[in-house]
Every structure is written in C-alpha cells, then in structure tokens.
Amino acid sequence: MKLKHKEITTLGALKAAKYQTKSIKDELRDNLRQRIINGEESFHGVWGYEYSVIPEIERAILSRHNINLLGLRGQAKTRLARLMLNLLDEWIPVVAGSEINDDPLKPMSRYAIELIEEKSDDTPISWLHRSERFYEKLATPDVTVADLIGDVDPIKAANLKLSYADDRVIHFGMIPRANRCIFVINELPDLQARIQVSLFNILEEGDIQIRGFKLRMPLDIQFVFTANPEDYTNRGSIVTPLKDRIGSQILTHYPDDIATARKITEQESNLDIRQTDTIYVPDVAKDLLEQISFEARNSEYVDAKSGVSARTSITAFENLLSTAERRALLIGADKTSVRLTDFMGVIPAITGKIELVYEGEQEGADGVAEILVEDAVKTLFTNLFPKINKLERKNEETPYDELLHWFFQGDGFELEDEYTDTEYKRALDSIPALNQLVKKYQPEVDKEDSYFLKEIVLWGLVAFEKLSKNRFNESYQFKDLYGSYIGGL
C-alpha cells in the first residue's frame, strides 16, 4: 500500500489511512508476484543464474522460506541477498524510538506496548526505508549468543536503577534489532554449534530467551544464510536441526560460458575513465582473460574444492589494463592497445586468488599462474586456428609449415615490452607467413584485433612445442625450436 508517509506521524493517522500490517515474507512474496506479472527482472545485474539459481530463489520467496545459499567463493551469494532489498516495500511504519522496529499495529517490545498504552492514537510514528532493512553478520568463531540474541546490560540497570529481575535491563542483540528486516549470516558453518542452536526457536517458533528472560517475541525476519561446501570439512558444519529449519537450500555455481563471465567482469571491474579512454582491449583478449579462470577450475595444480572466485577475472582485468596503461605512460603514448605480453602483468592477481594442491605448491604460485595463462592461450588457439596434432605423419603438410620455415631460416623474432604501437605492429607485420595465416583463418577479424591474434599464433606454437619462447629483461624472443640448436652445432 502506497501511503504519503511524510504526512503520517501518529498511530491515529496510520489507522485512518487504513494501513494493513504485512510480514516481511509477505512483502517479498507480493512484490515478487507483481514483478513476475509485469515481466520485470527480480535480481538485476546477476548474470548466468537466469535459468538456475534465480528461479529457485523466486520459488523460495513465494514459499515464504528462509534461504541457505550454498556455493564456492565468488559466486554472488551475498549480492543475491542484498538484491532482495529491492523486493521490499519502500517504506514501513515503526513506533518512534523502538529498538526492534516495532510495528505500530502489532507492538512486541515492552517499550512500544507501554508507549501505545500511554499515548494511544497520539503515539509518534517514524518511517523506515527499505535501504535500512538489511543486516549482515559474518560468522566467525568468536561470535557469541549475546552478539546475536542479546544480554543483560549492567550499565543500563545502574543508570535506570533497575533490578536484574526487570526485563528492561536487556540489551537486544543483532537479530531482535533486525526485526522486520533481511538478516544475512555469511559463512554459517563457521558459527560454533552452540551458537547455531540459539537460532532454533527464532527460526521456528519466533521466541527468544536472554539470560533467563523468556520473551515471547514473534520476530518477523527474512533469514538468508550463505555457506561454502568446503567449510563442512575444513572448519565446521551446519547442525542438522538448524538445516531442518531452513526452508530452501539453493546451490550457486560459476559462469557456464565465456560470454557470461565477460559480462560479470566488465560490470564489476573498478576502472579509471582514463584507462577506458586510453586503452583498447581486443575482444579476443577479453576471452583469453576469462579462459584463465576456466583453466584454473580444471587445473591439476589448483584445489577445485576451494574454487576459483569470479574476483580472479575482475582483478586480473584491472591489472591487465594497468599494465597497458603503465607502458603507455612510459613511452609517452596517448592511446595503446592490450597485447598478449601484457598478460604477464595479471599474474599477481591470479596468485592471490587460487589455492594450490601439493603438485601446485611444487611448481610455485607464479609458475602455476604462468601455466594457466599458457593453457588459456592453447585453448583459444585451438578454437581460432587449425588444430595441431600431437603425432604427425612424416612429410605431411600443415598450415603452419611456411611460418615455421620462416623461423627456421631466420635468427628469430623479438617483441620488446616498450615498443610503441607503431613499432609493435611493424614487428608483427614483418612476418609474411604470420600475416597470411591470420588473414586466411580469421578473415572477418578487425584489423586492430588482428595483431593480438598474431601473438596468439606465436604463443600457441610455443604451447604446442613448435617454437621456443625466451623471456629477457624487457622483451620476449621467439625462435625455431630445433633450428637454433642445429645452427649452433
């Protein structure tokens, strides 16, 4: 019901406006129904969940369930919970001064009940905006029942000269204060079992008990819990009776395809406008960046149970643009384009985001990050250019013969980090066989993007052991794999 909330300041005015009390779960349900009927998005800006997670959340809301979002890190669990705010009514009335957002028509706290008895229809009303109806707590082992539920406050007892038998000495915890709000507990398994037990009655019966005070307070809260499956074995578990009281458990997941992953990265990246104006990013470079995360999720060096967060691609993209920006500043260029060699600048963003298994530890974090970049290049190369067979028949012609012959006859090819764009393009254009190869197999590609593809070919031939690649202080050198060795002999 839309009311002119600024004009309603007393309980009498609220009654005269015929305001109908509604629980938070009914608010969510009714507003979601309306959005579905209108064909509107319920969770805008969350990509890849349109046919999996979002329909399940919508079903849970329509069922008035508390929800547990179960998934690996970086799967937008907390974001989904925060977006539920948009399904609440814009304003709700509360008894002015109430610690627990008392509904004026259904007061629960002693403060609100006594105030309404004293002032009746003159009881002052304030209005709470939906942006203020979100509470969030990270479950850590040091969280106490007092933090969540409440405790006796000796300072309040002394100031008000009350005995400890008086329930006015109670200091309410986060959950009672989140009455009529969405309350999120992140990483639920990290909460000690005895603390989880304190949530039983709140979820099922609505009453709370604080230091011997049994208060019948039917709290009106939409609970959303998040949990990582790995937490069940590493740090703790969700106690069975609590799981039984959570209406819907919904599994989240990583993006299924590169296109979806790119949408997430571009939406979430924190870029300076000077970067977006100065740096051109080829489409293939964006695909390669996302492919690194896909490779990491399937890598034998990376702990799959820990997951590879979507934040890996986001921070890597920021690093990629910063690498190109730094080069432009060093050479005094107004504009530049991302190069494949810039991808070495994303390694610090990768190493901090992946958990390694024993074999990965042996390789080292930097070594694994480089392997992931090379694996991503290999995958992309196979998608864009003819496949290189591991075993080739003798004298069998391949599309790469002319290019490999160019390297065999020459002294190699060098790409310096601080080449200007003109020097960079001139260097790649100097290999005729490379130009022909890209033109033949990617004829539709934009000219600006073709230079990145030329680098993909060179790195791909290295990955398939057709060329060698060496890193010097400020350049990469590509050579024939065997020719340089035979020439030395």
Protein backbone atom coordinates (compact mmCIF):
# COMPACT_ATOMS: atom_id res chain seq x y z
CA MET A 1 0.00 0.00 0.00
CA LYS A 2 1.47 3.37 -1.02
CA LEU A 3 0.97 5.98 1.67
CA LYS A 4 2.10 9.58 1.92
CA HIS A 5 4.38 8.58 4.73
CA LYS A 6 5.64 12.10 5.46
CA GLU A 7 2.10 13.15 6.36
CA ILE A 8 1.51 10.22 8.75
CA THR A 9 3.29 10.85 12.04
CA THR A 10 0.93 9.30 14.63
CA LEU A 11 -0.73 5.95 15.22
CA GLY A 12 -4.16 7.56 14.77
CA ALA A 13 -3.23 8.90 11.33
CA LEU A 14 -1.88 5.47 10.39
CA LYS A 15 -5.17 3.81 11.34
CA ALA A 16 -7.14 6.49 9.48
CA ALA A 17 -5.08 5.72 6.35
CA LYS A 18 -6.21 2.08 6.74
CA TYR A 19 -2.65 0.76 6.75
CA GLN A 20 -2.54 -3.05 6.67
CA THR A 21 0.22 -4.82 8.57
CA LYS A 22 2.19 -7.27 6.47
CA SER A 23 5.02 -9.65 7.39
CA ILE A 24 8.36 -9.24 5.62
CA LYS A 25 7.95 -12.60 3.90
CA ASP A 26 4.57 -11.48 2.55
CA GLU A 27 6.10 -8.20 1.41
CA LEU A 28 8.75 -10.08 -0.55
CA ARG A 29 6.20 -12.52 -1.91
CA ASP A 30 3.65 -9.89 -3.02
CA ASN A 31 6.23 -7.62 -4.66
CA LEU A 32 7.88 -10.57 -6.42
CA ARG A 33 4.49 -11.72 -7.74
CA GLN A 34 3.93 -8.25 -9.17
CA ARG A 35 7.37 -8.18 -10.82
CA ILE A 36 6.81 -11.57 -12.43
CA ILE A 37 3.38 -10.47 -13.70
CA ASN A 38 4.93 -7.27 -15.13
CA GLY A 39 7.79 -9.21 -16.74
CA GLU A 40 10.40 -7.31 -14.70
CA GLU A 41 13.77 -8.64 -13.50
CA SER A 42 13.82 -9.57 -9.83
CA PHE A 43 17.63 -9.74 -9.48
CA HIS A 44 19.12 -7.25 -11.91
CA GLY A 45 22.86 -7.42 -12.65
CA VAL A 46 23.38 -11.08 -11.72
CA TRP A 47 24.49 -12.98 -14.81
CA GLY A 48 24.43 -16.70 -15.53
CA TYR A 49 21.71 -17.58 -13.00
CA GLU A 50 18.68 -16.79 -15.18
CA TYR A 51 17.65 -20.43 -15.61
CA SER A 52 19.16 -21.98 -12.48
CA VAL A 53 19.63 -20.05 -9.24
CA ILE A 54 17.20 -17.13 -9.70
CA PRO A 55 14.12 -19.30 -10.40
CA GLU A 56 14.94 -21.32 -7.25
CA ILE A 57 15.24 -18.15 -5.14
CA GLU A 58 11.95 -16.90 -6.55
CA ARG A 59 10.27 -20.19 -5.63
CA ALA A 60 11.72 -19.95 -2.11
CA ILE A 61 10.41 -16.38 -1.70
CA LEU A 62 6.96 -17.37 -2.99
CA SER A 63 7.03 -20.21 -0.41
CA ARG A 64 8.00 -17.72 2.37
CA HIS A 65 11.12 -19.74 3.15
CA ASN A 66 14.32 -18.79 4.92
CA ILE A 67 17.14 -19.50 2.46
CA ASN A 68 20.60 -21.04 2.55
CA LEU A 69 22.79 -20.19 -0.46
CA LEU A 70 25.38 -22.93 -0.78
CA GLY A 71 28.33 -22.44 -3.11
CA LEU A 72 32.04 -21.77 -3.54
CA ARG A 73 33.54 -18.33 -3.03
CA GLY A 74 32.91 -15.62 -5.58
CA GLN A 75 29.52 -16.92 -6.72
CA ALA A 76 27.49 -13.76 -5.87
CA LYS A 77 25.79 -15.27 -2.80
CA THR A 78 25.90 -12.06 -0.75
CA ARG A 79 24.95 -9.96 -3.76
CA LEU A 80 21.79 -12.04 -4.26
CA ALA A 81 20.86 -11.48 -0.62
CA ARG A 82 21.38 -7.72 -0.93
CA LEU A 83 19.31 -7.55 -4.10
CA MET A 84 16.35 -8.96 -2.15
CA LEU A 85 16.05 -5.47 -0.64
CA ASN A 86 14.53 -4.32 -3.94
CA LEU A 87 11.58 -6.65 -3.33
CA LEU A 88 10.61 -4.90 -0.06
CA ASP A 89 8.06 -2.09 0.26
CA GLU A 90 9.80 1.27 0.01
CA TRP A 91 8.67 2.49 3.46
CA ILE A 92 7.22 0.81 6.56
CA PRO A 93 5.94 2.49 9.77
CA VAL A 94 7.64 1.82 13.12
CA VAL A 95 6.97 3.03 16.65
CA ALA A 96 9.30 6.02 17.06
CA GLY A 97 12.25 5.17 19.31
CA SER A 98 11.71 1.41 19.22
CA GLU A 99 14.94 -0.62 19.29
CA ILE A 100 13.38 -3.50 17.38
CA ASN A 101 11.37 -1.67 14.70
CA ASP A 102 8.02 -2.38 16.39
CA ASP A 103 5.03 -2.44 14.06
CA PRO A 104 2.64 0.24 15.47
CA LEU A 105 -0.34 -2.06 14.86
CA LYS A 106 1.36 -5.16 16.36
CA PRO A 107 3.80 -3.95 19.04
CA MET A 108 6.05 -6.54 20.70
CA SER A 109 8.56 -4.79 22.93
CA ARG A 110 7.72 -3.54 26.41
CA TYR A 111 8.74 -0.03 25.32
CA ALA A 112 6.29 0.06 22.39
CA ILE A 113 3.39 -1.55 24.28
CA GLU A 114 3.70 0.88 27.22
CA LEU A 115 4.08 3.90 24.90
CA ILE A 116 0.92 2.98 22.98
CA GLU A 117 -0.98 2.39 26.25
CA GLU A 118 0.10 5.84 27.43
CA LYS A 119 -0.41 7.89 24.24
CA SER A 120 -2.89 5.78 22.29
CA ASP A 121 -3.56 7.37 18.87
CA ASP A 122 -1.03 10.13 19.60
CA THR A 123 1.83 7.58 19.64
CA PRO A 124 4.57 9.00 17.38
CA ILE A 125 5.34 7.05 14.22
CA SER A 126 8.55 7.09 12.16
CA TRP A 127 9.16 5.52 8.75
CA LEU A 128 11.89 3.05 7.85
CA HIS A 129 13.22 2.97 4.27
CA ARG A 130 13.98 -0.41 2.71
CA SER A 131 17.67 0.55 2.34
CA GLU A 132 17.90 0.43 6.16
CA ARG A 133 16.32 -3.02 6.41
CA PHE A 134 19.40 -5.10 5.71
CA TYR A 135 21.57 -6.59 8.43
CA GLU A 136 24.63 -8.70 7.75
CA LYS A 137 26.90 -10.68 10.06
CA LEU A 138 29.99 -12.64 9.12
CA ALA A 139 30.02 -15.85 11.16
CA THR A 140 33.35 -16.12 12.94
CA PRO A 141 34.31 -18.44 15.81
CA ASP A 142 34.27 -15.52 18.28
CA VAL A 143 30.60 -14.61 17.68
CA THR A 144 28.59 -15.04 20.90
CA VAL A 145 24.93 -15.56 21.74
CA ALA A 146 25.00 -12.07 23.28
CA ASP A 147 26.06 -10.59 19.93
CA LEU A 148 23.22 -12.25 18.05
CA ILE A 149 20.38 -12.55 20.59
CA GLY A 150 21.21 -10.17 23.44
CA ASP A 151 22.33 -9.99 27.06
CA VAL A 152 21.70 -8.23 30.37
CA ASP A 153 23.24 -4.75 30.37
CA PRO A 154 24.57 -3.86 33.85
CA ILE A 155 25.22 -0.23 32.84
CA LYS A 156 21.58 0.18 31.79
CA ALA A 157 20.46 -1.43 35.06
CA ALA A 158 22.61 1.00 37.07
CA ASN A 159 21.55 4.11 35.11
CA LEU A 160 17.83 3.27 35.32
CA LYS A 161 18.17 1.92 38.91
CA LEU A 162 16.54 -1.38 37.94
CA SER A 163 17.00 -4.83 39.44
CA TYR A 164 18.28 -7.68 37.27
CA ALA A 165 14.79 -9.23 37.54
CA ASP A 166 13.39 -6.39 35.39
CA ASP A 167 13.34 -7.17 31.68
CA ARG A 168 14.18 -3.53 30.88
CA VAL A 169 17.83 -4.32 31.68
CA ILE A 170 18.05 -6.40 28.47
CA HIS A 171 20.26 -5.18 25.65
CA PHE A 172 18.95 -6.65 22.40
CA GLY A 173 21.41 -8.31 20.01
CA MET A 174 21.60 -8.03 16.23
CA ILE A 175 18.74 -10.42 15.44
CA PRO A 176 16.00 -8.72 17.51
CA ARG A 177 17.21 -5.35 16.18
CA ALA A 178 16.77 -6.76 12.65
CA ASN A 179 13.05 -7.32 13.26
CA ARG A 180 11.11 -6.71 10.00
CA CYS A 181 14.39 -6.78 8.06
CA ILE A 182 16.50 -9.15 5.95
CA PHE A 183 19.22 -10.71 8.13
CA VAL A 184 22.18 -12.39 6.42
CA ILE A 185 24.64 -14.68 8.20
CA ASN A 186 27.62 -15.29 5.94
CA GLU A 187 29.71 -18.49 6.21
CA LEU A 188 27.20 -20.18 8.55
CA PRO A 189 29.35 -23.32 9.20
CA ASP A 190 31.96 -21.09 10.90
CA LEU A 191 29.42 -20.35 13.63
CA GLN A 192 30.02 -22.55 16.67
CA ALA A 193 27.45 -25.32 17.11
CA ARG A 194 26.16 -23.89 20.42
CA ILE A 195 25.56 -20.53 18.71
CA GLN A 196 23.72 -22.22 15.86
CA VAL A 197 21.47 -23.90 18.46
CA SER A 198 20.41 -20.45 19.71
CA LEU A 199 18.80 -19.85 16.30
CA PHE A 200 16.42 -22.85 16.52
CA ASN A 201 13.50 -21.16 18.25
CA ILE A 202 13.89 -17.91 16.35
CA LEU A 203 13.51 -19.72 13.03
CA GLU A 204 10.66 -22.00 14.06
CA GLU A 205 8.69 -20.51 16.98
CA GLY A 206 9.83 -16.89 16.96
CA ASP A 207 10.55 -16.62 20.69
CA ILE A 208 13.91 -15.70 22.24
CA GLN A 209 15.46 -16.29 25.63
CA ILE A 210 18.03 -13.92 27.15
CA ARG A 211 19.73 -14.76 30.45
CA GLY A 212 16.67 -16.46 31.87
CA PHE A 213 14.18 -13.94 30.47
CA LYS A 214 11.86 -15.86 28.17
CA LEU A 215 10.38 -13.26 25.86
CA ARG A 216 7.54 -14.22 23.58
CA MET A 217 8.54 -12.04 20.64
CA PRO A 218 7.40 -13.35 17.26
CA LEU A 219 10.26 -11.72 15.36
CA ASP A 220 9.49 -11.01 11.73
CA ILE A 221 12.76 -11.67 9.87
CA GLN A 222 13.75 -12.99 6.44
CA PHE A 223 16.88 -15.04 7.11
CA VAL A 224 19.42 -15.66 4.35
CA PHE A 225 22.42 -17.84 5.15
CA THR A 226 25.46 -18.40 2.96
CA ALA A 227 27.84 -21.33 3.19
CA ASN A 228 30.78 -22.81 1.32
CA PRO A 229 30.61 -26.62 0.84
CA GLU A 230 34.30 -26.84 1.69
CA ASP A 231 33.57 -25.37 5.14
CA TYR A 232 31.72 -28.55 6.09
CA THR A 233 35.01 -30.41 6.33
CA ASN A 234 37.55 -27.64 6.93
CA ARG A 235 36.08 -25.63 9.76
CA GLY A 236 32.68 -26.82 10.84
CA SER A 237 29.23 -27.79 9.72
CA ILE A 238 25.63 -26.67 9.88
CA VAL A 239 23.99 -28.60 12.71
CA THR A 240 21.24 -30.87 11.43
CA PRO A 241 18.28 -29.38 13.39
CA LEU A 242 19.17 -25.93 12.05
CA LYS A 243 19.36 -27.21 8.46
CA ASP A 244 15.94 -28.75 9.03
CA ARG A 245 14.52 -25.33 9.91
CA ILE A 246 15.87 -23.57 6.79
CA GLY A 247 13.18 -23.82 4.13
CA SER A 248 15.23 -23.84 0.91
CA GLN A 249 18.86 -24.67 0.23
CA ILE A 250 19.97 -23.33 -3.16
CA LEU A 251 23.20 -24.28 -4.94
CA THR A 252 25.09 -21.49 -6.71
CA HIS A 253 27.69 -22.03 -9.45
CA TYR A 254 30.32 -20.32 -11.59
CA PRO A 255 29.53 -18.97 -15.10
CA ASP A 256 28.99 -21.74 -17.65
CA ASP A 257 30.46 -19.86 -20.61
CA ILE A 258 32.95 -17.14 -21.54
CA ALA A 259 30.27 -14.66 -22.66
CA THR A 260 28.59 -14.69 -19.22
CA ALA A 261 31.95 -14.42 -17.43
CA ARG A 262 32.83 -11.40 -19.57
CA LYS A 263 29.59 -9.63 -18.60
CA ILE A 264 30.38 -10.13 -14.91
CA THR A 265 33.98 -8.90 -15.27
CA GLU A 266 33.05 -5.82 -17.28
CA GLN A 267 30.26 -4.95 -14.83
CA GLU A 268 32.34 -5.38 -11.67
CA SER A 269 35.75 -4.02 -12.74
CA ASN A 270 36.77 -0.84 -10.96
CA LEU A 271 38.35 1.15 -13.80
CA ASP A 272 39.54 4.72 -14.11
CA ILE A 273 37.85 6.54 -17.01
CA ARG A 274 41.35 7.43 -18.26
CA GLN A 275 42.03 3.71 -18.67
CA THR A 276 38.87 3.04 -20.66
CA ASP A 277 39.51 6.11 -22.84
CA THR A 278 43.19 5.35 -23.42
CA ILE A 279 43.33 1.57 -23.77
CA TYR A 280 41.74 -0.54 -26.47
CA VAL A 281 41.02 -4.15 -25.42
CA PRO A 282 40.61 -6.63 -28.31
CA ASP A 283 37.66 -8.99 -27.99
CA VAL A 284 39.99 -11.98 -28.09
CA ALA A 285 41.95 -10.55 -25.14
CA LYS A 286 38.74 -10.44 -23.07
CA ASP A 287 38.03 -14.06 -23.98
CA LEU A 288 41.59 -15.07 -23.06
CA LEU A 289 41.30 -13.38 -19.68
CA GLU A 290 38.14 -15.33 -18.81
CA GLN A 291 39.63 -18.57 -20.14
CA ILE A 292 42.35 -18.33 -17.47
CA SER A 293 39.73 -18.79 -14.72
CA PHE A 294 38.11 -21.68 -16.62
CA GLU A 295 41.53 -23.35 -16.92
CA ALA A 296 42.18 -22.80 -13.20
CA ARG A 297 38.90 -24.51 -12.24
CA ASN A 298 40.03 -27.63 -14.14
CA SER A 299 43.74 -27.47 -13.34
CA GLU A 300 45.51 -30.33 -11.60
CA TYR A 301 47.53 -27.73 -9.67
CA VAL A 302 44.54 -25.87 -8.20
CA ASP A 303 42.32 -27.07 -5.35
CA ALA A 304 38.93 -27.48 -7.06
CA LYS A 305 37.10 -27.75 -3.71
CA SER A 306 38.24 -24.25 -2.78
CA GLY A 307 37.02 -22.83 -6.09
CA VAL A 308 38.30 -20.01 -8.27
CA SER A 309 36.38 -16.86 -7.49
CA ALA A 310 34.88 -14.59 -10.15
CA ARG A 311 37.03 -11.92 -8.48
CA THR A 312 40.04 -13.59 -10.14
CA SER A 313 38.97 -12.35 -13.58
CA ILE A 314 37.85 -8.98 -12.22
CA THR A 315 41.17 -8.14 -10.55
CA ALA A 316 43.12 -9.67 -13.45
CA PHE A 317 41.26 -7.39 -15.90
CA GLU A 318 42.12 -4.37 -13.75
CA ASN A 319 45.78 -5.46 -13.71
CA LEU A 320 45.75 -6.05 -17.47
CA LEU A 321 44.62 -2.51 -18.19
CA SER A 322 47.08 -1.11 -15.66
CA THR A 323 49.91 -2.98 -17.40
CA ALA A 324 48.97 -1.43 -20.75
CA GLU A 325 48.45 1.97 -19.10
CA ARG A 326 51.90 1.87 -17.48
CA ARG A 327 53.52 1.08 -20.84
CA ALA A 328 51.68 3.98 -22.48
CA LEU A 329 52.88 6.34 -19.75
CA LEU A 330 56.49 5.14 -20.07
CA ILE A 331 56.60 5.64 -23.84
CA GLY A 332 54.54 8.84 -23.77
CA ALA A 333 51.63 7.45 -25.82
CA ASP A 334 48.13 8.92 -25.69
CA LYS A 335 46.49 5.63 -26.65
CA THR A 336 47.50 1.97 -26.77
CA SER A 337 46.08 -1.50 -27.24
CA VAL A 338 46.33 -4.51 -24.93
CA ARG A 339 48.96 -7.02 -26.06
CA LEU A 340 49.34 -10.66 -25.16
CA THR A 341 52.67 -9.86 -23.46
CA ASP A 342 50.66 -7.63 -21.08
CA PHE A 343 49.13 -10.79 -19.62
CA MET A 344 52.26 -11.35 -17.58
CA GLY A 345 51.04 -8.36 -15.57
CA VAL A 346 47.95 -10.27 -14.38
CA ILE A 347 49.97 -12.94 -12.53
CA PRO A 348 49.83 -11.15 -9.12
CA ALA A 349 46.02 -11.06 -9.43
CA ILE A 350 45.92 -14.82 -10.08
CA THR A 351 48.35 -15.98 -7.40
CA GLY A 352 46.35 -14.34 -4.61
CA LYS A 353 43.08 -15.97 -5.67
CA ILE A 354 43.92 -19.65 -6.12
CA GLU A 355 44.54 -22.37 -3.54
CA LEU A 356 47.16 -24.87 -4.70
CA VAL A 357 47.28 -28.62 -4.14
CA TYR A 358 50.60 -30.35 -3.36
CA GLU A 359 51.68 -30.51 -7.03
CA GLY A 360 50.90 -26.82 -7.42
CA GLU A 361 52.99 -25.95 -4.37
CA GLN A 362 55.92 -27.74 -6.02
CA GLU A 363 55.53 -25.58 -9.14
CA GLY A 364 55.13 -22.39 -7.09
CA ALA A 365 52.25 -19.90 -7.30
CA ASP A 366 53.89 -17.79 -10.04
CA GLY A 367 54.75 -20.91 -12.05
CA VAL A 368 51.15 -22.18 -11.84
CA ALA A 369 49.82 -18.76 -12.90
CA GLU A 370 52.06 -18.79 -15.98
CA ILE A 371 50.93 -22.34 -16.80
CA LEU A 372 47.29 -21.22 -16.56
CA VAL A 373 47.93 -18.33 -18.97
CA GLU A 374 49.65 -20.72 -21.42
CA ASP A 375 46.82 -23.27 -21.10
CA ALA A 376 44.30 -20.50 -21.83
CA VAL A 377 46.29 -19.48 -24.92
CA LYS A 378 46.38 -23.11 -26.03
CA THR A 379 42.58 -23.47 -25.71
CA LEU A 380 41.91 -20.22 -27.53
CA PHE A 381 44.44 -21.06 -30.26
CA THR A 382 42.66 -24.38 -30.91
CA ASN A 383 39.31 -22.56 -31.18
CA LEU A 384 40.62 -19.99 -33.66
CA PHE A 385 43.14 -21.83 -35.81
CA PRO A 386 43.65 -25.36 -37.25
CA LYS A 387 44.41 -27.99 -34.67
CA ILE A 388 48.00 -29.16 -34.21
CA ASN A 389 48.13 -32.93 -33.81
CA LYS A 390 50.49 -34.33 -31.25
CA LEU A 391 51.59 -37.03 -33.68
CA GLU A 392 52.06 -36.00 -37.30
CA ARG A 393 52.82 -38.20 -40.25
CA LYS A 394 56.20 -37.80 -41.91
CA ASN A 395 56.20 -35.26 -44.80
CA GLU A 396 52.57 -34.35 -44.01
CA GLU A 397 51.87 -30.69 -44.82
CA THR A 398 50.36 -28.45 -42.13
CA PRO A 399 49.02 -24.88 -42.26
CA TYR A 400 51.98 -23.77 -40.14
CA ASP A 401 54.83 -25.09 -42.33
CA GLU A 402 55.58 -21.78 -44.03
CA LEU A 403 55.63 -19.88 -40.74
CA LEU A 404 57.85 -22.47 -39.04
CA HIS A 405 60.16 -22.42 -42.07
CA TRP A 406 60.48 -18.63 -41.69
CA PHE A 407 61.70 -19.11 -38.13
CA PHE A 408 63.98 -22.00 -39.15
CA GLN A 409 65.74 -19.85 -41.72
CA GLY A 410 65.99 -16.71 -39.60
CA ASP A 411 67.51 -15.64 -36.30
CA GLY A 412 64.20 -15.43 -34.50
CA PHE A 413 61.81 -12.65 -33.65
CA GLU A 414 61.76 -10.27 -30.69
CA LEU A 415 58.92 -8.25 -29.14
CA GLU A 416 60.03 -5.57 -26.71
CA ASP A 417 57.78 -4.56 -23.81
CA GLU A 418 58.14 -0.85 -24.51
CA TYR A 419 57.60 -0.87 -28.25
CA THR A 420 55.33 1.96 -29.36
CA ASP A 421 52.13 0.78 -31.06
CA THR A 422 53.71 1.58 -34.44
CA GLU A 423 56.86 -0.44 -33.64
CA TYR A 424 54.77 -3.31 -32.24
CA LYS A 425 52.62 -3.53 -35.37
CA ARG A 426 55.60 -3.15 -37.69
CA ALA A 427 57.37 -6.01 -35.92
CA LEU A 428 54.39 -8.39 -36.27
CA ASP A 429 53.75 -7.30 -39.85
CA SER A 430 57.37 -8.22 -40.70
CA ILE A 431 56.49 -11.94 -40.74
CA PRO A 432 54.67 -12.54 -44.08
CA ALA A 433 53.61 -16.12 -43.25
CA LEU A 434 52.04 -14.94 -39.98
CA ASN A 435 50.01 -12.27 -41.78
CA GLN A 436 48.76 -14.80 -44.34
CA LEU A 437 47.80 -17.32 -41.65
CA VAL A 438 45.67 -14.85 -39.68
CA LYS A 439 44.10 -13.48 -42.88
CA LYS A 440 43.21 -16.98 -44.09
CA TYR A 441 41.68 -18.41 -40.89
CA GLN A 442 40.26 -15.22 -39.34
CA PRO A 443 39.28 -13.13 -42.39
CA GLU A 444 36.48 -11.27 -40.58
CA VAL A 445 38.60 -10.03 -37.69
CA ASP A 446 39.02 -6.29 -37.17
CA LYS A 447 42.48 -5.02 -38.21
CA GLU A 448 43.14 -3.66 -34.71
CA ASP A 449 42.40 -7.09 -33.21
CA SER A 450 44.49 -8.95 -35.82
CA TYR A 451 47.74 -8.07 -34.03
CA PHE A 452 46.58 -9.76 -30.86
CA LEU A 453 45.70 -12.83 -32.95
CA LYS A 454 49.21 -12.83 -34.41
CA GLU A 455 50.58 -13.03 -30.88
CA ILE A 456 48.11 -15.83 -30.12
CA VAL A 457 49.58 -17.79 -33.06
CA LEU A 458 53.16 -17.33 -31.79
CA TRP A 459 52.30 -18.24 -28.18
CA GLY A 460 50.14 -21.13 -29.39
CA LEU A 461 53.01 -22.60 -31.44
CA VAL A 462 55.18 -22.35 -28.34
CA ALA A 463 52.49 -24.11 -26.26
CA PHE A 464 52.35 -26.93 -28.83
CA GLU A 465 56.16 -27.13 -28.85
CA LYS A 466 56.67 -25.88 -32.41
CA LEU A 467 58.59 -22.75 -31.38
CA SER A 468 60.62 -21.73 -28.35
CA LYS A 469 59.99 -18.59 -26.27
CA ASN A 470 62.51 -16.87 -24.02
CA ARG A 471 61.97 -14.01 -21.62
CA PHE A 472 64.65 -11.35 -21.33
CA ASN A 473 64.61 -8.29 -19.09
CA GLU A 474 62.39 -6.20 -21.34
CA SER A 475 61.38 -8.45 -24.23
CA TYR A 476 60.15 -11.84 -25.45
CA GLN A 477 62.13 -13.73 -28.09
CA PHE A 478 60.57 -16.41 -30.31
CA LYS A 479 62.80 -18.88 -32.14
CA ASP A 480 62.64 -22.09 -34.08
CA LEU A 481 62.61 -24.98 -31.60
CA TYR A 482 65.43 -27.02 -33.20
CA GLY A 483 66.97 -24.72 -35.83
CA SER A 484 68.89 -22.60 -33.35
CA TYR A 485 70.30 -25.72 -31.73
CA ILE A 486 71.36 -27.29 -35.07
CA GLY A 487 72.81 -23.97 -36.25
CA GLY A 488 74.95 -23.88 -33.13
CA LEU A 489 76.26 -27.37 -33.91
